[in-house]
PDB file of N, CA and C in Angstrom:
ATOM      1  N   MET A   1       1.582 -19.343 -11.825  1.00  0.00           N
ATOM      2  CA  MET A   1       0.966 -17.987 -11.458  1.00  0.00           C
ATOM      3  C   MET A   1       0.220 -17.289 -12.775  1.00  0.00           C
ATOM      4  N   THR A   2      -0.646 -16.336 -12.204  1.00  0.00           N
ATOM      5  CA  THR A   2      -1.769 -16.084 -13.187  1.00  0.00           C
ATOM      6  C   THR A   2      -1.412 -14.534 -13.224  1.00  0.00           C
ATOM      7  N   GLY A   3      -1.826 -13.566 -14.293  1.00  0.00           N
ATOM      8  CA  GLY A   3      -1.909 -12.170 -14.425  1.00  0.00           C
ATOM      9  C   GLY A   3      -1.562 -11.302 -13.059  1.00  0.00           C
ATOM     10  N   LEU A   4      -2.501 -11.255 -12.246  1.00  0.00           N
ATOM     11  CA  LEU A   4      -2.668 -10.475 -11.169  1.00  0.00           C
ATOM     12  C   LEU A   4      -1.548 -10.744 -10.345  1.00  0.00           C
ATOM     13  N   GLU A   5      -1.432 -12.050  -9.959  1.00  0.00           N
ATOM     14  CA  GLU A   5      -0.588 -12.480  -8.745  1.00  0.00           C
ATOM     15  C   GLU A   5       0.893 -12.083  -9.457  1.00  0.00           C
ATOM     16  N   ARG A   6       1.354 -12.574 -10.538  1.00  0.00           N
ATOM     17  CA  ARG A   6       2.575 -11.647 -11.098  1.00  0.00           C
ATOM     18  C   ARG A   6       2.829 -10.138 -11.005  1.00  0.00           C
ATOM     19  N   ALA A   7       1.699  -9.366 -11.517  1.00  0.00           N
ATOM     20  CA  ALA A   7       1.893  -8.035 -11.141  1.00  0.00           C
ATOM     21  C   ALA A   7       1.995  -7.654  -9.878  1.00  0.00           C
ATOM     22  N   THR A   8       1.326  -8.301  -9.017  1.00  0.00           N
ATOM     23  CA  THR A   8       1.678  -8.071  -7.580  1.00  0.00           C
ATOM     24  C   THR A   8       2.942  -8.226  -7.012  1.00  0.00           C
ATOM     25  N   ARG A   9       3.463  -9.588  -7.490  1.00  0.00           N
ATOM     26  CA  ARG A   9       5.045  -9.577  -7.144  1.00  0.00           C
ATOM     27  C   ARG A   9       6.047  -8.618  -7.677  1.00  0.00           C
ATOM     28  N   SER A  10       5.552  -8.336  -8.763  1.00  0.00           N
ATOM     29  CA  SER A  10       6.125  -7.357  -9.545  1.00  0.00           C
ATOM     30  C   SER A  10       6.396  -6.081  -8.624  1.00  0.00           C
ATOM     31  N   ASP A  11       5.135  -5.423  -8.196  1.00  0.00           N
ATOM     32  CA  ASP A  11       4.920  -4.535  -7.064  1.00  0.00           C
ATOM     33  C   ASP A  11       5.913  -4.567  -6.084  1.00  0.00           C
ATOM     34  N   LEU A  12       5.725  -5.532  -5.597  1.00  0.00           N
ATOM     35  CA  LEU A  12       6.348  -5.975  -4.171  1.00  0.00           C
ATOM     36  C   LEU A  12       7.849  -6.044  -4.255  1.00  0.00           C
ATOM     37  N   ALA A  13       8.306  -6.614  -5.508  1.00  0.00           N
ATOM     38  CA  ALA A  13       9.783  -6.479  -5.801  1.00  0.00           C
ATOM     39  C   ALA A  13      10.349  -5.191  -5.772  1.00  0.00           C
ATOM     40  N   LYS A  14       9.398  -3.996  -5.745  1.00  0.00           N
ATOM     41  CA  LYS A  14      10.106  -2.773  -5.829  1.00  0.00           C
ATOM     42  C   LYS A  14      10.147  -2.304  -4.492  1.00  0.00           C
ATOM     43  N   LEU A  15       9.414  -2.785  -3.695  1.00  0.00           N
ATOM     44  CA  LEU A  15       9.569  -2.378  -2.004  1.00  0.00           C
ATOM     45  C   LEU A  15      10.715  -2.934  -1.114  1.00  0.00           C
ATOM     46  N   PRO A  16      11.091  -2.083  -0.292  1.00  0.00           N
ATOM     47  CA  PRO A  16      12.283  -2.448   0.512  1.00  0.00           C
ATOM     48  C   PRO A  16      11.965  -4.179   1.060  1.00  0.00           C
ATOM     49  N   GLU A  17      13.128  -4.843   1.350  1.00  0.00           N
ATOM     50  CA  GLU A  17      12.713  -6.214   1.948  1.00  0.00           C
ATOM     51  C   GLU A  17      11.926  -6.154   3.325  1.00  0.00           C
ATOM     52  N   SER A  18      12.066  -5.456   4.205  1.00  0.00           N
ATOM     53  CA  SER A  18      11.360  -5.478   5.147  1.00  0.00           C
ATOM     54  C   SER A  18       9.586  -5.401   4.696  1.00  0.00           C
ATOM     55  N   VAL A  19       9.398  -4.794   3.937  1.00  0.00           N
ATOM     56  CA  VAL A  19       7.727  -4.602   3.417  1.00  0.00           C
ATOM     57  C   VAL A  19       7.515  -5.759   2.744  1.00  0.00           C
ATOM     58  N   ARG A  20       8.448  -6.055   1.894  1.00  0.00           N
ATOM     59  CA  ARG A  20       8.147  -7.395   0.827  1.00  0.00           C
ATOM     60  C   ARG A  20       7.869  -8.728   1.796  1.00  0.00           C
ATOM     61  N   ASP A  21       8.495  -8.757   2.934  1.00  0.00           N
ATOM     62  CA  ASP A  21       8.539  -9.995   3.851  1.00  0.00           C
ATOM     63  C   ASP A  21       7.328  -9.772   4.919  1.00  0.00           C
ATOM     64  N   SER A  22       6.680  -8.649   4.572  1.00  0.00           N
ATOM     65  CA  SER A  22       5.630  -8.670   5.687  1.00  0.00           C
ATOM     66  C   SER A  22       4.123  -9.437   5.520  1.00  0.00           C
ATOM     67  N   ALA A  23       3.548  -9.433   6.801  1.00  0.00           N
ATOM     68  CA  ALA A  23       2.140 -10.340   6.715  1.00  0.00           C
ATOM     69  C   ALA A  23       1.125  -9.643   5.411  1.00  0.00           C
ATOM     70  N   LEU A  24       1.329  -8.322   5.672  1.00  0.00           N
ATOM     71  CA  LEU A  24       0.568  -7.421   4.625  1.00  0.00           C
ATOM     72  C   LEU A  24       0.892  -7.736   3.183  1.00  0.00           C
ATOM     73  N   ALA A  25       2.211  -8.080   3.039  1.00  0.00           N
ATOM     74  CA  ALA A  25       2.512  -8.273   1.545  1.00  0.00           C
ATOM     75  C   ALA A  25       2.089  -9.592   1.383  1.00  0.00           C
ATOM     76  N   GLN A  26       2.324 -10.853   2.072  1.00  0.00           N
ATOM     77  CA  GLN A  26       1.383 -11.998   2.057  1.00  0.00           C
ATOM     78  C   GLN A  26      -0.004 -11.840   1.811  1.00  0.00           C
ATOM     79  N   VAL A  27      -0.529 -10.909   2.323  1.00  0.00           N
ATOM     80  CA  VAL A  27      -2.105 -11.019   2.352  1.00  0.00           C
ATOM     81  C   VAL A  27      -2.333 -10.475   0.892  1.00  0.00           C
ATOM     82  N   ALA A  28      -1.532  -9.447   0.313  1.00  0.00           N
ATOM     83  CA  ALA A  28      -1.615  -9.107  -0.946  1.00  0.00           C
ATOM     84  C   ALA A  28      -1.756 -10.165  -2.010  1.00  0.00           C
ATOM     85  N   LEU A  29      -0.610 -11.004  -1.763  1.00  0.00           N
ATOM     86  CA  LEU A  29      -0.433 -12.130  -2.661  1.00  0.00           C
ATOM     87  C   LEU A  29      -1.555 -12.901  -2.549  1.00  0.00           C
ATOM     88  N   ASP A  30      -1.995 -13.176  -1.394  1.00  0.00           N
ATOM     89  CA  ASP A  30      -3.152 -14.430  -1.352  1.00  0.00           C
ATOM     90  C   ASP A  30      -4.466 -13.648  -1.917  1.00  0.00           C
ATOM     91  N   LEU A  31      -4.535 -12.301  -1.820  1.00  0.00           N
ATOM     92  CA  LEU A  31      -5.835 -11.706  -2.453  1.00  0.00           C
ATOM     93  C   LEU A  31      -5.553 -11.395  -3.870  1.00  0.00           C
ATOM     94  N   ALA A  32      -4.446 -11.652  -4.706  1.00  0.00           N
ATOM     95  CA  ALA A  32      -4.453 -11.705  -5.929  1.00  0.00           C
ATOM     96  C   ALA A  32      -4.675 -13.018  -6.663  1.00  0.00           C
ATOM     97  N   ARG A  33      -4.283 -14.007  -5.920  1.00  0.00           N
ATOM     98  CA  ARG A  33      -4.710 -15.102  -6.384  1.00  0.00           C
ATOM     99  C   ARG A  33      -5.871 -15.807  -6.420  1.00  0.00           C
ATOM    100  N   ARG A  34      -6.697 -15.086  -5.273  1.00  0.00           N
ATOM    101  CA  ARG A  34      -8.318 -15.299  -5.128  1.00  0.00           C
ATOM    102  C   ARG A  34      -8.634 -14.721  -6.581  1.00  0.00           C
ATOM    103  N   LEU A  35      -8.144 -13.412  -6.756  1.00  0.00           N
ATOM    104  CA  LEU A  35      -8.654 -12.803  -7.789  1.00  0.00           C
ATOM    105  C   LEU A  35      -8.468 -13.408  -9.050  1.00  0.00           C
ATOM    106  N   ASP A  36      -7.373 -13.835  -9.319  1.00  0.00           N
ATOM    107  CA  ASP A  36      -6.842 -14.754 -10.351  1.00  0.00           C
ATOM    108  C   ASP A  36      -7.956 -15.989 -10.765  1.00  0.00           C
ATOM    109  N   GLY A  37      -8.558 -16.697  -9.404  1.00  0.00           N
ATOM    110  CA  GLY A  37      -9.223 -17.731  -9.500  1.00  0.00           C
ATOM    111  C   GLY A  37     -10.539 -17.242 -10.145  1.00  0.00           C
ATOM    112  N   ASP A  38     -11.610 -18.216  -9.897  1.00  0.00           N
ATOM    113  CA  ASP A  38     -12.730 -18.028  -9.937  1.00  0.00           C
ATOM    114  C   ASP A  38     -13.785 -17.715  -9.157  1.00  0.00           C
ATOM    115  N   VAL A  39     -14.060 -16.628  -9.215  1.00  0.00           N
ATOM    116  CA  VAL A  39     -14.500 -15.846  -8.008  1.00  0.00           C
ATOM    117  C   VAL A  39     -16.030 -15.050  -8.528  1.00  0.00           C
ATOM    118  N   ALA A  40     -17.009 -14.979  -8.140  1.00  0.00           N
ATOM    119  CA  ALA A  40     -18.165 -14.090  -8.393  1.00  0.00           C
ATOM    120  C   ALA A  40     -17.932 -12.584  -8.643  1.00  0.00           C
ATOM    121  N   ASP A  41     -18.629 -12.212  -9.212  1.00  0.00           N
ATOM    122  CA  ASP A  41     -18.505 -10.743  -9.425  1.00  0.00           C
ATOM    123  C   ASP A  41     -18.366  -9.875  -8.487  1.00  0.00           C
ATOM    124  N   THR A  42     -19.297 -10.071  -7.323  1.00  0.00           N
ATOM    125  CA  THR A  42     -19.312  -9.432  -6.009  1.00  0.00           C
ATOM    126  C   THR A  42     -18.173  -9.434  -5.280  1.00  0.00           C
ATOM    127  N   ALA A  43     -17.766 -10.671  -5.138  1.00  0.00           N
ATOM    128  CA  ALA A  43     -16.584 -10.791  -4.550  1.00  0.00           C
ATOM    129  C   ALA A  43     -15.356 -10.467  -4.994  1.00  0.00           C
ATOM    130  N   ALA A  44     -15.291 -10.347  -6.084  1.00  0.00           N
ATOM    131  CA  ALA A  44     -13.942 -10.042  -7.447  1.00  0.00           C
ATOM    132  C   ALA A  44     -14.269  -8.239  -6.867  1.00  0.00           C
ATOM    133  N   VAL A  45     -15.056  -7.791  -6.779  1.00  0.00           N
ATOM    134  CA  VAL A  45     -14.958  -6.295  -6.270  1.00  0.00           C
ATOM    135  C   VAL A  45     -14.332  -6.217  -4.905  1.00  0.00           C
ATOM    136  N   LEU A  46     -15.079  -6.944  -4.169  1.00  0.00           N
ATOM    137  CA  LEU A  46     -14.629  -6.780  -2.613  1.00  0.00           C
ATOM    138  C   LEU A  46     -12.823  -7.039  -2.723  1.00  0.00           C
ATOM    139  N   LEU A  47     -12.851  -8.053  -3.360  1.00  0.00           N
ATOM    140  CA  LEU A  47     -11.195  -8.733  -3.094  1.00  0.00           C
ATOM    141  C   LEU A  47     -10.362  -7.567  -3.878  1.00  0.00           C
ATOM    142  N   ALA A  48     -10.945  -6.934  -4.925  1.00  0.00           N
ATOM    143  CA  ALA A  48     -10.023  -5.996  -5.484  1.00  0.00           C
ATOM    144  C   ALA A  48      -9.801  -4.683  -4.706  1.00  0.00           C
ATOM    145  N   ARG A  49     -10.700  -4.390  -4.133  1.00  0.00           N
ATOM    146  CA  ARG A  49     -10.901  -3.240  -3.140  1.00  0.00           C
ATOM    147  C   ARG A  49      -9.859  -3.305  -2.061  1.00  0.00           C
ATOM    148  N   GLU A  50      -9.955  -4.627  -1.577  1.00  0.00           N
ATOM    149  CA  GLU A  50      -8.835  -4.977  -0.514  1.00  0.00           C
ATOM    150  C   GLU A  50      -7.356  -4.857  -1.121  1.00  0.00           C
ATOM    151  N   LEU A  51      -7.345  -5.693  -2.330  1.00  0.00           N
ATOM    152  CA  LEU A  51      -5.977  -5.673  -2.861  1.00  0.00           C
ATOM    153  C   LEU A  51      -5.399  -4.327  -2.960  1.00  0.00           C
ATOM    154  N   ARG A  52      -6.415  -3.362  -3.438  1.00  0.00           N
ATOM    155  CA  ARG A  52      -5.666  -2.153  -3.759  1.00  0.00           C
ATOM    156  C   ARG A  52      -5.418  -1.226  -2.413  1.00  0.00           C
ATOM    157  N   MET A  53      -6.326  -1.579  -1.523  1.00  0.00           N
ATOM    158  CA  MET A  53      -5.845  -0.777  -0.041  1.00  0.00           C
ATOM    159  C   MET A  53      -4.606  -1.560   0.328  1.00  0.00           C
ATOM    160  N   CYS A  54      -4.382  -2.936   0.432  1.00  0.00           N
ATOM    161  CA  CYS A  54      -3.317  -3.455   0.806  1.00  0.00           C
ATOM    162  C   CYS A  54      -2.209  -3.177   0.130  1.00  0.00           C
ATOM    163  N   LEU A  55      -2.146  -2.975  -1.160  1.00  0.00           N
ATOM    164  CA  LEU A  55      -0.911  -2.336  -1.827  1.00  0.00           C
ATOM    165  C   LEU A  55      -0.748  -1.019  -1.525  1.00  0.00           C
ATOM    166  N   ALA A  56      -1.482  -0.230  -1.361  1.00  0.00           N
ATOM    167  CA  ALA A  56      -1.243   1.128  -1.279  1.00  0.00           C
ATOM    168  C   ALA A  56      -0.810   1.355   0.198  1.00  0.00           C
ATOM    169  N   ASP A  57      -1.102   0.294   1.282  1.00  0.00           N
ATOM    170  CA  ASP A  57      -0.205   0.612   2.774  1.00  0.00           C
ATOM    171  C   ASP A  57       0.877   0.000   2.340  1.00  0.00           C
ATOM    172  N   LEU A  58       1.092  -1.106   1.820  1.00  0.00           N
ATOM    173  CA  LEU A  58       2.447  -1.354   1.578  1.00  0.00           C
ATOM    174  C   LEU A  58       3.284  -0.520   0.817  1.00  0.00           C
ATOM    175  N   HIS A  59       2.888   0.214   0.001  1.00  0.00           N
ATOM    176  CA  HIS A  59       3.752   1.377  -0.915  1.00  0.00           C
ATOM    177  C   HIS A  59       4.276   2.359   0.243  1.00  0.00           C
ATOM    178  N   HIS A  60       3.128   2.717   0.952  1.00  0.00           N
ATOM    179  CA  HIS A  60       3.345   3.865   2.040  1.00  0.00           C
ATOM    180  C   HIS A  60       4.136   3.332   3.334  1.00  0.00           C
ATOM    181  N   GLN A  61       4.409   2.111   3.453  1.00  0.00           N
ATOM    182  CA  GLN A  61       5.286   1.820   4.327  1.00  0.00           C
ATOM    183  C   GLN A  61       6.543   1.392   3.509  1.00  0.00           C
ATOM    184  N   GLY A  62       6.569   1.405   2.341  1.00  0.00           N
ATOM    185  CA  GLY A  62       7.756   1.423   1.759  1.00  0.00           C
ATOM    186  C   GLY A  62       8.458   2.738   1.708  1.00  0.00           C
ATOM    187  N   LYS A  63       7.731   3.767   1.653  1.00  0.00           N
ATOM    188  CA  LYS A  63       8.160   5.060   1.507  1.00  0.00           C
ATOM    189  C   LYS A  63       8.722   5.503   3.030  1.00  0.00           C
ATOM    190  N   GLU A  64       8.005   5.137   3.910  1.00  0.00           N
ATOM    191  CA  GLU A  64       8.437   5.202   5.270  1.00  0.00           C
ATOM    192  C   GLU A  64      10.010   5.015   5.420  1.00  0.00           C
ATOM    193  N   ASP A  65      10.254   3.631   5.036  1.00  0.00           N
ATOM    194  CA  ASP A  65      11.443   3.355   5.213  1.00  0.00           C
ATOM    195  C   ASP A  65      12.470   4.229   4.698  1.00  0.00           C
ATOM    196  N   THR A  66      12.561   4.771   3.782  1.00  0.00           N
ATOM    197  CA  THR A  66      13.377   5.623   3.268  1.00  0.00           C
ATOM    198  C   THR A  66      13.186   7.093   3.601  1.00  0.00           C
ATOM    199  N   HIS A  67      12.307   7.395   4.497  1.00  0.00           N
ATOM    200  CA  HIS A  67      12.245   8.906   5.040  1.00  0.00           C
ATOM    201  C   HIS A  67      12.651   8.875   6.432  1.00  0.00           C
ATOM    202  N   GLY A  68      13.200   9.711   6.837  1.00  0.00           N
ATOM    203  CA  GLY A  68      13.551   9.971   8.326  1.00  0.00           C
ATOM    204  C   GLY A  68      12.721  10.796   8.783  1.00  0.00           C
ATOM    205  N   ASP A  69      12.920  11.302  10.450  1.00  0.00           N
ATOM    206  CA  ASP A  69      12.002  12.264  10.972  1.00  0.00           C
ATOM    207  C   ASP A  69      11.886  13.648  10.330  1.00  0.00           C
ATOM    208  N   ILE A  70      12.883  14.060   9.754  1.00  0.00           N
ATOM    209  CA  ILE A  70      12.950  15.487   9.022  1.00  0.00           C
ATOM    210  C   ILE A  70      11.949  15.550   8.310  1.00  0.00           C
ATOM    211  N   ASP A  71      11.686  14.435   7.120  1.00  0.00           N
ATOM    212  CA  ASP A  71      11.036  14.382   6.005  1.00  0.00           C
ATOM    213  C   ASP A  71       9.348  14.325   6.500  1.00  0.00           C
ATOM    214  N   ASP A  72       9.212  13.265   7.804  1.00  0.00           N
ATOM    215  CA  ASP A  72       8.139  13.357   8.221  1.00  0.00           C
ATOM    216  C   ASP A  72       7.723  14.736   8.585  1.00  0.00           C
ATOM    217  N   LEU A  73       8.418  15.661   9.275  1.00  0.00           N
ATOM    218  CA  LEU A  73       8.023  16.716   9.740  1.00  0.00           C
ATOM    219  C   LEU A  73       7.633  17.846   8.870  1.00  0.00           C
ATOM    220  N   LEU A  74       8.526  17.641   7.677  1.00  0.00           N
ATOM    221  CA  LEU A  74       8.247  18.579   6.269  1.00  0.00           C
ATOM    222  C   LEU A  74       6.917  18.339   5.632  1.00  0.00           C
ATOM    223  N   GLU A  75       6.747  16.909   5.712  1.00  0.00           N
ATOM    224  CA  GLU A  75       5.427  16.426   4.744  1.00  0.00           C
ATOM    225  C   GLU A  75       4.294  17.027   5.645  1.00  0.00           C
ATOM    226  N   ARG A  76       4.238  17.051   7.302  1.00  0.00           N
ATOM    227  CA  ARG A  76       3.301  17.464   7.943  1.00  0.00           C
ATOM    228  C   ARG A  76       3.113  18.955   7.719  1.00  0.00           C
ATOM    229  N   ILE A  77       4.386  20.042   7.908  1.00  0.00           N
ATOM    230  CA  ILE A  77       4.176  21.128   7.705  1.00  0.00           C
ATOM    231  C   ILE A  77       3.687  21.751   6.325  1.00  0.00           C
ATOM    232  N   ALA A  78       3.693  20.619   5.358  1.00  0.00           N
ATOM    233  CA  ALA A  78       3.251  21.087   4.012  1.00  0.00           C
ATOM    234  C   ALA A  78       1.888  20.822   3.753  1.00  0.00           C
ATOM    235  N   THR A  79       1.310  20.196   4.650  1.00  0.00           N
ATOM    236  CA  THR A  79      -0.377  20.008   4.513  1.00  0.00           C
ATOM    237  C   THR A  79      -1.225  21.265   4.901  1.00  0.00           C
ATOM    238  N   PRO A  80      -2.082  21.314   3.773  1.00  0.00           N
ATOM    239  CA  PRO A  80      -3.012  22.295   3.943  1.00  0.00           C
ATOM    240  C   PRO A  80      -3.534  22.893   5.502  1.00  0.00           C
ATOM    241  N   ALA A  81      -3.854  21.582   6.331  1.00  0.00           N
ATOM    242  CA  ALA A  81      -4.504  22.020   7.513  1.00  0.00           C
ATOM    243  C   ALA A  81      -3.402  22.826   8.441  1.00  0.00           C
ATOM    244  N   PHE A  82      -2.200  22.298   8.427  1.00  0.00           N
ATOM    245  CA  PHE A  82      -1.137  23.447   9.113  1.00  0.00           C
ATOM    246  C   PHE A  82      -0.858  24.554   8.532  1.00  0.00           C
ATOM    247  N   ARG A  83      -0.906  24.865   7.395  1.00  0.00           N
ATOM    248  CA  ARG A  83      -0.697  25.899   6.788  1.00  0.00           C
ATOM    249  C   ARG A  83      -1.945  27.001   7.051  1.00  0.00           C
ATOM    250  N   ASP A  84      -3.105  26.396   6.825  1.00  0.00           N
ATOM    251  CA  ASP A  84      -4.282  27.509   7.037  1.00  0.00           C
ATOM    252  C   ASP A  84      -4.574  27.446   8.448  1.00  0.00           C
ATOM    253  N   ALA A  85      -3.874  26.679   9.382  1.00  0.00           N
ATOM    254  CA  ALA A  85      -4.230  27.080  10.734  1.00  0.00           C
ATOM    255  C   ALA A  85      -4.083  28.440  11.426  1.00  0.00           C
ATOM    256  N   PRO A  86      -4.857  29.216  12.569  1.00  0.00           N
ATOM    257  CA  PRO A  86      -4.464  30.541  12.841  1.00  0.00           C
ATOM    258  C   PRO A  86      -3.326  30.263  13.687  1.00  0.00           C
ATOM    259  N   HIS A  87      -2.413  31.444  13.482  1.00  0.00           N
ATOM    260  CA  HIS A  87      -1.214  31.165  14.146  1.00  0.00           C
ATOM    261  C   HIS A  87      -1.504  31.650  15.810  1.00  0.00           C
ATOM    262  N   GLY A  88      -0.672  31.043  16.615  1.00  0.00           N
ATOM    263  CA  GLY A  88      -0.934  31.306  18.122  1.00  0.00           C
ATOM    264  C   GLY A  88      -1.948  30.277  18.474  1.00  0.00           C
ATOM    265  N   ALA A  89      -2.717  29.613  17.800  1.00  0.00           N
ATOM    266  CA  ALA A  89      -3.793  28.885  18.450  1.00  0.00           C
ATOM    267  C   ALA A  89      -3.189  27.442  19.210  1.00  0.00           C
TER     268      ALA A  89
END
């Protein structure tokens, strides 16, 4: 196991089990392994972008597991789009 795969596994270990065992988590590990291998520069850029997006989605899913409906409502109300909307519209 090389650097990026090890770091990705470390990131995944901090997430809830339901997220760690997901297909998206497996994709993240596969992307990390491919980046650790011998890839062309342009492929590495694309793979790194996909890995970053994949890990961001996994972290977002991990947060969803700990939030309830009330937390989701409060987050939506706190967004500028809702605060700045005209009242009564």
